[in-house]
Protein backbone atom coordinates (compact mmCIF):
# COMPACT_ATOMS: atom_id res chain seq x y z
CA UNK A 1 0.00 0.01 -0.01
CA UNK A 2 1.08 3.58 -0.34
CA UNK A 3 0.38 7.00 1.06
CA UNK A 4 0.95 10.66 0.52
CA UNK A 5 3.24 10.82 3.35
CA UNK A 6 5.11 7.60 2.93
CA UNK A 7 4.66 6.74 -0.82
CA UNK A 8 7.97 8.05 -2.14
CA UNK A 9 8.20 9.59 -5.57
CA UNK A 10 10.89 8.30 -7.94
CA UNK A 11 13.89 10.65 -8.13
CA UNK A 12 13.24 13.04 -5.31
CA UNK A 13 -13.08 7.89 -23.02
CA UNK A 14 -15.47 6.16 -22.12
CA UNK A 15 -16.13 2.43 -22.25
CA UNK A 16 -18.93 0.32 -20.88
CA UNK A 17 -21.87 2.03 -19.21
CA UNK A 18 -21.52 5.74 -19.66
CA UNK A 19 -23.43 6.78 -16.59
CA UNK A 20 -23.09 10.56 -16.10
CA UNK A 21 -21.44 11.74 -12.89
CA UNK A 22 -23.87 13.20 -10.45
CA UNK A 23 -22.69 15.95 -8.12
CA UNK A 24 -24.30 16.60 -4.78
CA UNK A 25 -23.78 19.91 -3.09
CA UNK A 26 -22.60 19.17 0.46
CA UNK A 27 -23.97 21.27 3.29
CA UNK A 28 -20.59 22.88 3.96
CA UNK A 29 -20.31 24.02 0.29
CA UNK A 30 -23.54 25.84 0.05
CA UNK A 31 -21.88 29.14 0.97
CA UNK A 32 -19.62 28.79 -2.04
CA UNK A 33 -22.56 28.35 -4.37
CA UNK A 34 -24.35 31.21 -2.72
CA UNK A 35 -21.37 33.41 -3.30
CA UNK A 36 -21.86 32.99 -7.02
CA UNK A 37 -18.58 31.27 -7.90
CA UNK A 38 -18.90 29.90 -11.41
CA UNK A 39 -17.73 26.56 -12.72
CA UNK A 40 -14.03 26.68 -13.23
CA UNK A 41 -13.52 29.62 -10.88
CA UNK A 42 -11.23 29.04 -7.91
CA UNK A 43 -12.47 29.79 -4.43
CA UNK A 44 -9.99 31.06 -1.87
CA UNK A 45 -7.68 28.33 -0.60
CA UNK A 46 -9.29 26.83 2.48
CA UNK A 47 -8.69 23.83 4.74
CA UNK A 48 -10.00 20.73 3.00
CA UNK A 49 -10.77 18.79 6.22
CA UNK A 50 -12.70 19.02 9.41
CA UNK A 51 -10.58 20.54 12.20
CA UNK A 52 -9.89 17.18 13.85
CA UNK A 53 -10.18 14.88 10.86
CA UNK A 54 -7.52 12.48 9.69
CA UNK A 55 -6.06 15.25 7.47
CA UNK A 56 -6.38 18.16 9.93
CA UNK A 57 -3.61 20.68 9.44
CA UNK A 58 -1.86 19.71 12.62
CA UNK A 59 -1.90 16.04 11.78
CA UNK A 60 -0.91 16.65 8.15
CA UNK A 61 2.11 18.59 9.15
CA UNK A 62 3.07 15.83 11.62
CA UNK A 63 3.09 13.39 8.73
CA UNK A 64 5.25 15.66 6.64
CA UNK A 65 8.10 15.76 9.16
CA UNK A 66 7.65 13.06 11.74
CA UNK A 67 9.87 10.43 10.19
CA UNK A 68 12.85 12.75 10.66
CA UNK A 69 11.87 14.46 13.94
CA UNK A 70 11.27 13.25 17.41
CA UNK A 71 8.22 13.91 19.53
CA UNK A 72 9.20 17.20 21.03
CA UNK A 73 10.18 18.74 17.74
CA UNK A 74 6.96 17.82 16.06
CA UNK A 75 4.83 19.05 18.89
CA UNK A 76 6.60 22.34 18.64
CA UNK A 77 5.90 22.46 14.93
CA UNK A 78 2.30 21.75 15.55
CA UNK A 79 2.15 24.51 18.08
CA UNK A 80 3.85 26.93 15.68
CA UNK A 81 1.27 26.18 12.99
CA UNK A 82 -1.53 26.42 15.58
CA UNK A 83 -0.54 29.94 16.61
CA UNK A 84 0.50 31.13 13.16
CA UNK A 85 -2.64 30.20 11.23
CA UNK A 86 -3.99 33.65 11.64
CA UNK A 87 -7.38 34.55 10.28
CA UNK A 88 -8.27 31.77 7.82
CA UNK A 89 -11.08 33.84 6.43
CA UNK A 90 -8.41 36.02 4.74
CA UNK A 91 -8.27 35.17 1.07
CA UNK A 92 -4.77 33.86 0.33
CA UNK A 93 -5.73 32.97 -3.21
CA UNK A 94 -3.73 35.71 -5.04
CA UNK A 95 -0.55 34.63 -3.31
CA UNK A 96 -1.09 30.99 -4.14
CA UNK A 97 -2.15 31.14 -7.68
CA UNK A 98 0.52 30.19 -10.19
CA UNK A 99 1.91 32.88 -12.45
CA UNK A 100 1.86 31.23 -15.86
CA UNK A 101 2.76 32.54 -19.23
CA UNK A 102 -0.90 33.18 -19.96
CA UNK A 103 -4.40 32.24 -18.97
CA UNK A 104 -4.74 28.47 -18.62
CA UNK A 105 -7.65 26.74 -20.25
CA UNK A 106 -10.68 25.85 -18.11
CA UNK A 107 -10.90 22.15 -17.30
CA UNK A 108 -14.19 20.27 -17.49
CA UNK A 109 -15.67 18.33 -14.57
CA UNK A 110 -13.92 15.26 -13.25
CA UNK A 111 -15.60 11.94 -13.99
CA UNK A 112 -16.76 10.04 -10.93
CA UNK A 113 -18.53 6.68 -10.98
CA UNK A 114 -21.71 6.22 -9.00
CA UNK A 115 -21.67 3.65 -6.25
CA UNK A 116 -25.50 3.12 -6.28
CA UNK A 117 -25.42 0.72 -3.27
CA UNK A 118 -23.02 -1.80 -1.75
CA UNK A 119 -23.01 -4.93 -3.83
CA UNK A 120 -24.16 -3.19 -7.03
CA UNK A 121 -22.53 -4.64 -10.17
CA UNK A 122 -22.20 -3.17 -13.65
CA UNK A 123 -20.68 -4.57 -16.78
CA UNK A 124 -17.94 -2.61 -18.61
CA UNK A 125 -15.73 -3.35 -21.57
CA UNK A 126 -12.15 -2.29 -20.81
CA UNK A 127 -10.52 -4.58 -23.40
CA UNK A 128 -11.89 -5.74 -26.76
CA UNK A 129 -12.01 -9.48 -26.11
CA UNK A 130 -13.87 -9.72 -22.75
CA UNK A 131 -16.18 -8.01 -20.29
CA UNK A 132 -15.37 -6.89 -16.75
CA UNK A 133 -17.72 -6.44 -13.84
CA UNK A 134 -17.37 -3.53 -11.35
CA UNK A 135 -18.75 -4.21 -7.90
CA UNK A 136 -19.34 -1.58 -5.31
CA UNK A 137 -17.69 -2.47 -1.98
CA UNK A 138 -18.53 0.68 0.01
CA UNK A 139 -20.05 4.19 -0.41
CA UNK A 140 -17.81 5.87 2.20
CA UNK A 141 -15.30 5.83 0.70
CA UNK A 142 -16.57 5.25 -2.83
CA UNK A 143 -14.80 1.92 -3.34
CA UNK A 144 -15.01 -0.62 -6.14
CA UNK A 145 -13.62 -4.05 -7.04
CA UNK A 146 -12.91 -5.49 -10.51
CA UNK A 147 -11.99 -9.18 -10.62
CA UNK A 148 -9.75 -10.20 -13.51
CA UNK A 149 -8.64 -6.61 -14.31
CA UNK A 150 -5.15 -8.02 -15.03
CA UNK A 151 -4.38 -11.44 -16.50
CA UNK A 152 -2.10 -13.84 -14.64
CA UNK A 153 0.55 -13.29 -17.31
CA UNK A 154 0.39 -9.51 -16.88
CA UNK A 155 0.75 -9.89 -13.10
CA UNK A 156 3.80 -12.10 -13.53
CA UNK A 157 5.35 -9.66 -15.98
CA UNK A 158 4.97 -6.69 -13.64
CA UNK A 159 6.62 -8.64 -10.86
CA UNK A 160 9.51 -9.66 -13.21
CA UNK A 161 10.04 -6.04 -14.39
CA UNK A 162 10.12 -4.84 -10.75
CA UNK A 163 12.63 -7.51 -9.78
CA UNK A 164 14.80 -6.74 -12.76
CA UNK A 165 14.86 -3.08 -11.93
CA UNK A 166 15.41 -3.71 -8.21
CA UNK A 167 13.34 -2.70 -5.18
CA UNK A 168 14.21 -0.38 -2.34
CA UNK A 169 12.96 -0.25 1.22
CA UNK A 170 9.82 1.79 1.44
CA UNK A 171 10.60 3.46 4.70
CA UNK A 172 14.02 4.57 5.79
CA UNK A 173 14.89 5.06 9.45
CA UNK A 174 15.36 8.76 10.30
CA UNK A 175 18.74 10.32 10.24
CA UNK A 176 20.28 12.73 12.68
CA UNK A 177 18.55 15.69 11.01
CA UNK A 178 16.37 15.94 14.13
CA UNK A 179 19.43 17.38 16.06
CA UNK A 180 19.48 20.48 13.90
CA UNK A 181 15.78 20.85 13.94
CA UNK A 182 15.57 20.39 17.73
CA UNK A 183 17.86 23.36 18.23
CA UNK A 184 15.43 25.66 16.37
CA UNK A 185 12.36 24.66 18.29
CA UNK A 186 11.67 26.53 21.45
CA UNK A 187 8.22 26.28 23.09
CA UNK A 188 6.91 26.05 26.63
CA UNK A 189 5.73 22.82 28.25
CA UNK A 190 2.40 24.51 29.04
CA UNK A 191 1.77 25.30 25.36
CA UNK A 192 2.61 21.73 24.38
CA UNK A 193 0.29 20.37 27.00
CA UNK A 194 -2.65 22.58 25.86
CA UNK A 195 -2.10 21.57 22.26
CA UNK A 196 -2.26 17.89 23.12
CA UNK A 197 -5.20 18.13 25.57
CA UNK A 198 -7.93 17.84 23.02
CA UNK A 199 -10.81 17.42 25.44
CA UNK A 200 -9.46 20.18 27.68
CA UNK A 201 -9.83 18.19 30.92
CA UNK A 202 -6.37 19.03 32.17
CA UNK A 203 -5.11 15.43 31.68
CA UNK A 204 -3.33 13.70 28.84
CA UNK A 205 -4.83 10.31 28.07
CA UNK A 206 -2.79 7.84 25.99
CA UNK A 207 -5.12 8.17 23.00
CA UNK A 208 -4.71 12.01 23.03
CA UNK A 209 -0.93 11.57 22.80
CA UNK A 210 -1.25 8.85 20.13
CA UNK A 211 -3.68 10.82 17.99
CA UNK A 212 -1.08 13.58 17.51
CA UNK A 213 2.10 11.52 17.68
CA UNK A 214 1.73 8.76 15.09
CA UNK A 215 5.42 8.06 14.88
CA UNK A 216 8.39 8.09 17.21
CA UNK A 217 11.92 7.69 15.73
CA UNK A 218 10.47 6.30 12.52
CA UNK A 219 8.39 3.66 14.22
CA UNK A 220 4.72 3.15 14.90
CA UNK A 221 3.87 4.20 18.44
CA UNK A 222 1.62 1.95 20.47
CA UNK A 223 0.12 2.50 23.95
CA UNK A 224 2.72 0.13 25.30
CA UNK A 225 5.52 2.18 23.73
CA UNK A 226 4.24 5.37 25.35
CA UNK A 227 3.96 3.70 28.72
CA UNK A 228 7.41 2.25 28.46
CA UNK A 229 8.78 5.68 27.62
CA UNK A 230 6.93 7.22 30.57
CA UNK A 231 8.36 4.64 32.91
CA UNK A 232 11.95 5.06 31.56
CA UNK A 233 12.03 8.86 32.04
CA UNK A 234 9.88 8.71 35.19
CA UNK A 235 7.24 10.96 33.62
CA UNK A 236 4.25 9.08 35.17
CA UNK A 237 4.99 8.39 38.86
CA UNK A 238 1.66 6.71 39.61
CA UNK A 239 1.84 4.52 36.43
CA UNK A 240 -1.74 5.13 35.40
CA UNK A 241 -0.84 6.16 31.85
CA UNK A 242 -2.38 9.58 32.33
CA UNK A 243 -0.29 12.76 32.66
CA UNK A 244 -1.46 15.71 34.70
CA UNK A 245 -0.27 19.14 33.84
CA UNK A 246 2.16 19.06 36.79
CA UNK A 247 3.56 15.68 35.65
CA UNK A 248 3.91 16.91 32.09
CA UNK A 249 5.65 20.08 33.30
CA UNK A 250 8.16 18.06 35.28
CA UNK A 251 9.08 15.96 32.25
CA UNK A 252 12.39 16.87 30.60
CA UNK A 253 12.01 16.47 26.80
CA UNK A 254 15.76 15.90 26.52
CA UNK A 255 15.30 12.70 28.48
CA UNK A 256 12.74 11.63 25.91
CA UNK A 257 15.19 12.28 23.06
CA UNK A 258 17.89 10.27 24.80
CA UNK A 259 15.47 7.41 25.34
CA UNK A 260 14.32 7.32 21.68
CA UNK A 261 17.95 7.47 20.43
CA UNK A 262 18.76 4.41 22.52
CA UNK A 263 15.86 2.40 21.07
CA UNK A 264 16.28 1.82 17.37
CA UNK A 265 13.23 0.65 15.51
CA UNK A 266 13.03 -2.84 14.04
CA UNK A 267 11.45 -3.36 10.60
CA UNK A 268 8.32 -4.84 12.32
CA UNK A 269 7.94 -1.61 14.29
CA UNK A 270 7.97 0.71 11.27
CA UNK A 271 4.89 2.41 9.97
CA UNK A 272 5.50 0.66 6.66
CA UNK A 273 7.47 -2.57 6.25
CA UNK A 274 7.83 -3.23 2.56
CA UNK A 275 9.98 -2.77 -0.54
CA UNK A 276 8.98 -0.97 -3.75
CA UNK A 277 10.00 0.37 -7.15
CA UNK A 278 8.48 2.42 -9.95
CA UNK A 279 7.80 1.34 -13.56
CA UNK A 280 7.43 3.92 -16.33
CA UNK A 281 4.17 3.75 -18.33
CA UNK A 282 4.51 6.64 -20.76
CA UNK A 283 5.28 6.70 -24.47
CA UNK A 284 7.90 4.07 -25.31
CA UNK A 285 7.24 1.91 -22.24
CA UNK A 286 6.70 -1.86 -22.51
CA UNK A 287 3.56 -2.56 -24.41
CA UNK A 288 1.87 -4.26 -21.46
CA UNK A 289 2.62 -1.24 -19.25
CA UNK A 290 1.06 0.98 -21.88
CA UNK A 291 -1.95 -1.34 -22.24
CA UNK A 292 -2.57 -1.20 -18.50
CA UNK A 293 -2.42 2.60 -18.44
CA UNK A 294 -4.95 2.73 -21.29
CA UNK A 295 -7.19 0.31 -19.41
CA UNK A 296 -7.04 2.57 -16.36
CA UNK A 297 -7.87 5.52 -18.59
CA UNK A 298 -11.01 3.79 -19.86
CA UNK A 299 -11.88 2.67 -16.30
CA UNK A 300 -11.68 6.13 -14.72
CA UNK A 301 -13.18 7.98 -17.66
CA UNK A 302 -10.81 10.88 -16.92
CA UNK A 303 -9.12 12.93 -19.61
CA UNK A 304 -5.98 11.43 -21.16
CA UNK A 305 -3.99 14.47 -20.08
CA UNK A 306 -4.77 13.79 -16.41
CA UNK A 307 -4.02 10.08 -16.50
CA UNK A 308 -0.86 10.31 -18.69
CA UNK A 309 0.68 13.02 -16.51
CA UNK A 310 0.08 11.03 -13.27
CA UNK A 311 2.64 9.03 -11.36
CA UNK A 312 4.24 5.88 -12.79
CA UNK A 313 3.21 2.41 -11.56
CA UNK A 314 4.43 1.67 -8.10
CA UNK A 315 5.14 -1.98 -7.40
CA UNK A 316 5.32 -3.13 -3.77
CA UNK A 317 6.53 -6.28 -2.17
CA UNK A 318 5.54 -7.30 1.36
CA UNK A 319 7.46 -10.18 2.78
CA UNK A 320 6.27 -12.26 5.68
CA UNK A 321 5.75 -9.83 8.52
CA UNK A 322 5.18 -6.91 6.04
CA UNK A 323 2.45 -4.43 6.76
CA UNK A 324 1.39 -0.80 6.27
CA UNK A 325 -0.45 0.95 9.09
CA UNK A 326 -3.63 2.77 8.19
CA UNK A 327 -3.20 6.01 6.27
CA UNK A 328 -4.75 8.17 3.52
CA UNK A 329 -3.10 8.37 0.07
CA UNK A 330 -3.69 12.11 -0.35
CA UNK A 331 -3.14 15.25 1.61
CA UNK A 332 -5.04 18.52 1.59
CA UNK A 333 -3.48 21.68 0.17
CA UNK A 334 -2.99 24.30 2.83
CA UNK A 335 -1.08 27.62 2.46
CA UNK A 336 2.00 25.73 3.72
CA UNK A 337 1.74 23.00 1.08
CA UNK A 338 1.53 22.40 -2.60
CA UNK A 339 0.84 19.37 -4.76
CA UNK A 340 4.00 17.49 -5.79
CA UNK A 341 3.04 17.25 -9.44
CA UNK A 342 2.00 20.85 -10.04
CA UNK A 343 4.84 22.25 -7.97
CA UNK A 344 6.95 21.57 -11.07
CA UNK A 345 5.38 24.46 -12.94
CA UNK A 346 3.79 26.66 -10.28
CA UNK A 347 5.56 29.85 -9.37
CA UNK A 348 5.15 29.30 -5.66
CA UNK A 349 7.51 28.73 -2.74
CA UNK A 350 6.09 26.75 0.20
CA UNK A 351 7.78 24.63 2.89
CA UNK A 352 5.93 21.36 2.28
CA UNK A 353 4.62 19.40 -0.67
CA UNK A 354 2.12 16.51 -0.73
CA UNK A 355 0.78 13.91 -3.13
CA UNK A 356 -2.58 15.02 -4.46
CA UNK A 357 -4.09 11.74 -5.56
CA UNK A 358 -7.67 12.03 -6.76
CA UNK A 359 -7.96 8.29 -7.21
CA UNK A 360 -6.10 5.14 -6.16
CA UNK A 361 -6.15 2.06 -8.39
CA UNK A 362 -4.55 -0.93 -6.68
CA UNK A 363 -3.80 -4.20 -8.34
CA UNK A 364 -3.17 -7.48 -6.53
CA UNK A 365 -0.40 -9.37 -8.39
CA UNK A 366 -0.48 -12.66 -6.56
CA UNK A 367 -2.50 -14.76 -4.16
CA UNK A 368 -1.29 -14.36 -0.61
CA UNK A 369 -1.01 -17.50 1.51
CA UNK A 370 -1.77 -15.78 4.83
CA UNK A 371 -2.92 -12.26 5.83
CA UNK A 372 -2.15 -9.23 3.59
CA UNK A 373 -5.76 -7.96 3.27
CA UNK A 374 -6.40 -4.32 2.51
CA UNK A 375 -8.37 -2.98 5.43
CA UNK A 376 -10.68 0.11 5.47
CA UNK A 377 -11.21 0.53 9.24
CA UNK A 378 -14.08 3.01 9.11
CA UNK A 379 -15.67 2.19 5.73
CA UNK A 380 -19.40 3.02 5.69
CA UNK A 381 -19.38 4.19 9.29
CA UNK A 382 -22.30 6.49 9.99
CA UNK A 383 -19.94 9.12 11.41
CA UNK A 384 -16.17 9.75 11.57
CA UNK A 385 -14.26 10.83 14.62
CA UNK A 386 -10.55 10.49 14.70
CA UNK A 387 -10.39 10.08 18.48
CA UNK A 388 -12.74 7.11 18.25
CA UNK A 389 -10.12 5.20 16.24
CA UNK A 390 -8.31 4.60 19.51
CA UNK A 391 -10.35 2.98 22.23
CA UNK A 392 -8.68 1.47 25.30
CA UNK A 393 -5.98 -0.83 23.96
CA UNK A 394 -7.46 -1.12 20.46
CA UNK A 395 -6.03 1.16 17.76
CA UNK A 396 -7.94 0.58 14.49
CA UNK A 397 -5.08 2.08 12.55
CA UNK A 398 -2.76 -0.63 13.73
CA UNK A 399 -2.71 -3.22 10.92
CA UNK A 400 -0.42 -5.63 12.66
CA UNK A 401 -2.64 -6.27 15.59
CA UNK A 402 -6.19 -5.00 14.89
CA UNK A 403 -6.96 -5.64 11.18
CA UNK A 404 -9.75 -8.02 12.15
CA UNK A 405 -11.60 -5.14 13.85
CA UNK A 406 -11.81 -3.03 10.69
CA UNK A 407 -15.15 -2.55 8.98
CA UNK A 408 -14.03 -3.86 5.54
CA UNK A 409 -11.20 -6.17 4.49
CA UNK A 410 -10.36 -7.02 0.88
CA UNK A 411 -8.62 -10.32 0.36
CA UNK A 412 -5.82 -10.27 -2.23
CA UNK A 413 -6.76 -12.16 -5.41
CA UNK A 414 -4.38 -12.30 -8.32
CA UNK A 415 -5.46 -9.96 -11.09
CA UNK A 416 -8.19 -8.19 -9.08
CA UNK A 417 -8.11 -4.38 -8.95
CA UNK A 418 -9.74 -2.19 -6.35
CA UNK A 419 -10.08 1.57 -6.79
CA UNK A 420 -11.44 4.39 -4.73
CA UNK A 421 -11.68 8.18 -4.57
CA UNK A 422 -9.51 9.94 -2.04
CA UNK A 423 -11.43 13.18 -2.25
CA UNK A 424 -15.09 14.07 -2.02
CA UNK A 425 -16.65 16.15 -4.91
CA UNK A 426 -16.88 19.86 -4.27
CA UNK A 427 -20.31 20.32 -5.86
CA UNK A 428 -18.77 22.04 -8.90
CA UNK A 429 -17.33 19.01 -10.65
CA UNK A 430 -13.89 19.22 -9.03
CA UNK A 431 -11.91 18.11 -5.96
CA UNK A 432 -13.44 18.80 -2.60
CA UNK A 433 -12.50 17.65 0.91
CA UNK A 434 -10.24 14.72 1.54
CA UNK A 435 -12.47 11.75 2.28
CA UNK A 436 -11.65 10.67 5.89
CA UNK A 437 -13.34 7.33 5.20
CA UNK A 438 -10.58 6.49 2.66
CA UNK A 439 -8.37 5.55 5.59
CA UNK A 440 -6.82 2.20 4.68
CA UNK A 441 -3.84 -0.05 5.38
CA UNK A 442 -2.11 -3.27 4.51
CA UNK A 443 -2.73 -6.04 7.02
CA UNK A 444 0.15 -8.14 8.39
CA UNK A 445 1.35 -10.79 5.96
CA UNK A 446 1.44 -13.88 8.16
CA UNK A 447 2.63 -16.36 5.54
CA UNK A 448 4.22 -16.03 2.13
CA UNK A 449 4.77 -12.83 0.06
CA UNK A 450 2.34 -10.23 -1.09
CA UNK A 451 2.83 -8.26 -4.38
CA UNK A 452 0.68 -5.29 -5.35
CA UNK A 453 0.91 -2.31 -7.65
CA UNK A 454 -0.57 1.20 -7.41
CA UNK A 455 -1.66 3.59 -10.10
CA UNK A 456 -2.39 7.03 -8.61
CA UNK A 457 -4.27 9.63 -10.58
CA UNK A 458 -2.98 13.05 -9.69
CA UNK A 459 -5.28 16.08 -9.66
CA UNK A 460 -4.63 19.39 -7.96
CA UNK A 461 -7.48 20.71 -5.80
CA UNK A 462 -6.78 24.07 -7.51
CA UNK A 463 -8.50 23.83 -10.86
CA UNK A 464 -6.44 26.69 -12.30
CA UNK A 465 -3.15 25.20 -11.13
CA UNK A 466 -4.02 21.80 -12.63
CA UNK A 467 -4.93 23.48 -15.94
CA UNK A 468 -1.69 25.43 -15.94
CA UNK A 469 0.24 22.21 -15.26
CA UNK A 470 -1.34 20.42 -18.19
CA UNK A 471 -0.81 23.38 -20.44
CA UNK A 472 2.84 23.64 -19.54
CA UNK A 473 3.52 19.95 -19.86
CA UNK A 474 1.96 19.98 -23.34
CA UNK A 475 4.20 22.94 -24.32
CA UNK A 476 7.37 21.16 -23.04
CA UNK A 477 6.37 18.05 -24.94
CA UNK A 478 6.01 20.03 -28.15
CA UNK A 479 9.27 22.00 -27.74
CA UNK A 480 11.59 19.50 -26.08
CA UNK A 481 10.16 16.04 -26.51
CA UNK A 482 9.80 13.34 -23.88
CA UNK A 483 12.94 14.39 -22.03
CA UNK A 484 11.15 17.61 -20.93
CA UNK A 485 8.51 15.75 -19.00
CA UNK A 486 8.47 15.89 -15.17
CA UNK A 487 11.45 14.37 -13.49
CA UNK A 488 9.26 11.92 -11.54
CA UNK A 489 7.73 10.67 -14.78
CA UNK A 490 11.09 9.98 -16.43
CA UNK A 491 11.92 6.66 -14.80
CA UNK A 492 13.04 4.67 -17.84
CA UNK A 493 15.82 2.68 -16.20
CA UNK A 494 14.10 -0.62 -16.99
CA UNK A 495 13.47 0.08 -20.69
CA UNK A 496 16.52 -1.87 -21.89
CA UNK A 497 15.20 -5.10 -20.34
CA UNK A 498 13.63 -7.59 -22.68
CA UNK A 499 10.68 -9.33 -21.01
CA UNK A 500 7.79 -10.45 -23.17
CA UNK A 501 4.63 -12.38 -22.54
């Protein structure tokens, strides 16, 4: 599995039933419509999530830096963002809009399949010689399954190409960069406590700490990890796992840093335990890779420009003991962030970038002997509350221990594809809020090896910026050929290999 935060980038139409997309106007978007914003016109940049959702600004910035920073540094960063947000009603749009060589064309609405109801099936023709059936697995997120999307031969070829190219570890343990960052962070213990104390009861429960501190020194933090740390640095004298303001004030964060430095994370303790590589799918790629991209184009019913300018195919191998804790594949665009793909042409300078993935198309490349399901912990829940993900000793995000408690699990079947939308519609045919219900993870592989591949479809929540990106990429292609395409789409290292069906 892959995510915005942890899915690393390399180097840094219609077919079947042509049901028209239907756009509902969510309650929280009615003010935009009332303001008279027309189709194609950008609204001011705004947070794309509920304040405490899975992609809240505080949590999002944690994911951007937590692999390289320790707990104290990240809390300080969160506090900095918390106090420097300012008045979010101020329109930052003029500062964030890209300065292109001319007005970018207006893009049409994004295609979006209808779920109808869980279990609904429709027939589509994605290749000339056979029919496929799309089955709705959930409505929140909008999630579908397509058995036989890839043939067994195609699955084996993808694995062979990945092995020939070579795979790298998906998560690298943090370096000593935190030392430099730590020296720049100065914040009071009281401010840190107030930031963490989400229910404002003057006490820090374990789940409050875990909700903001997903990672330690590159590892997944569990309630037991936190309690062990408390005991080691004598932060919790009564051992009840709850810190009062006085206990928190008495804690020396330098002791925490020393403790974490002395406990190196094992691979089983990482947020993501897998290996991956990227396979180019653009012009000149292996004919099977090109055929799969064209099949995805027909499946998604998106414009060729959007699909062709999206990320290459990521191939992932999970060995026995491999896993990926629950995450979302996309991040919202705040004033501090920009999409990784449109950053290449946007005339903007921001501290963080994120993967803006409108859709995820995931392929299972083999049958897994034991475990390895894809879990959607809160699929089709009536409501979403991030704090409810952690109850007592059960953390629904923990895919090593609690996958069986998730609402929906998809068993790997060779050739099957599942796809879902990472964003809700905005009511105007474009990208809206990040869908909290798209939270998903890779369950522990208990026996054998699991191979998957991901096709992510990149769309910038800023319609104008996405249009400018497509316009600029078309210009570069005309003037400079394929070598002028984005760096992350230039991964052709495997092209000299000769592997045929």
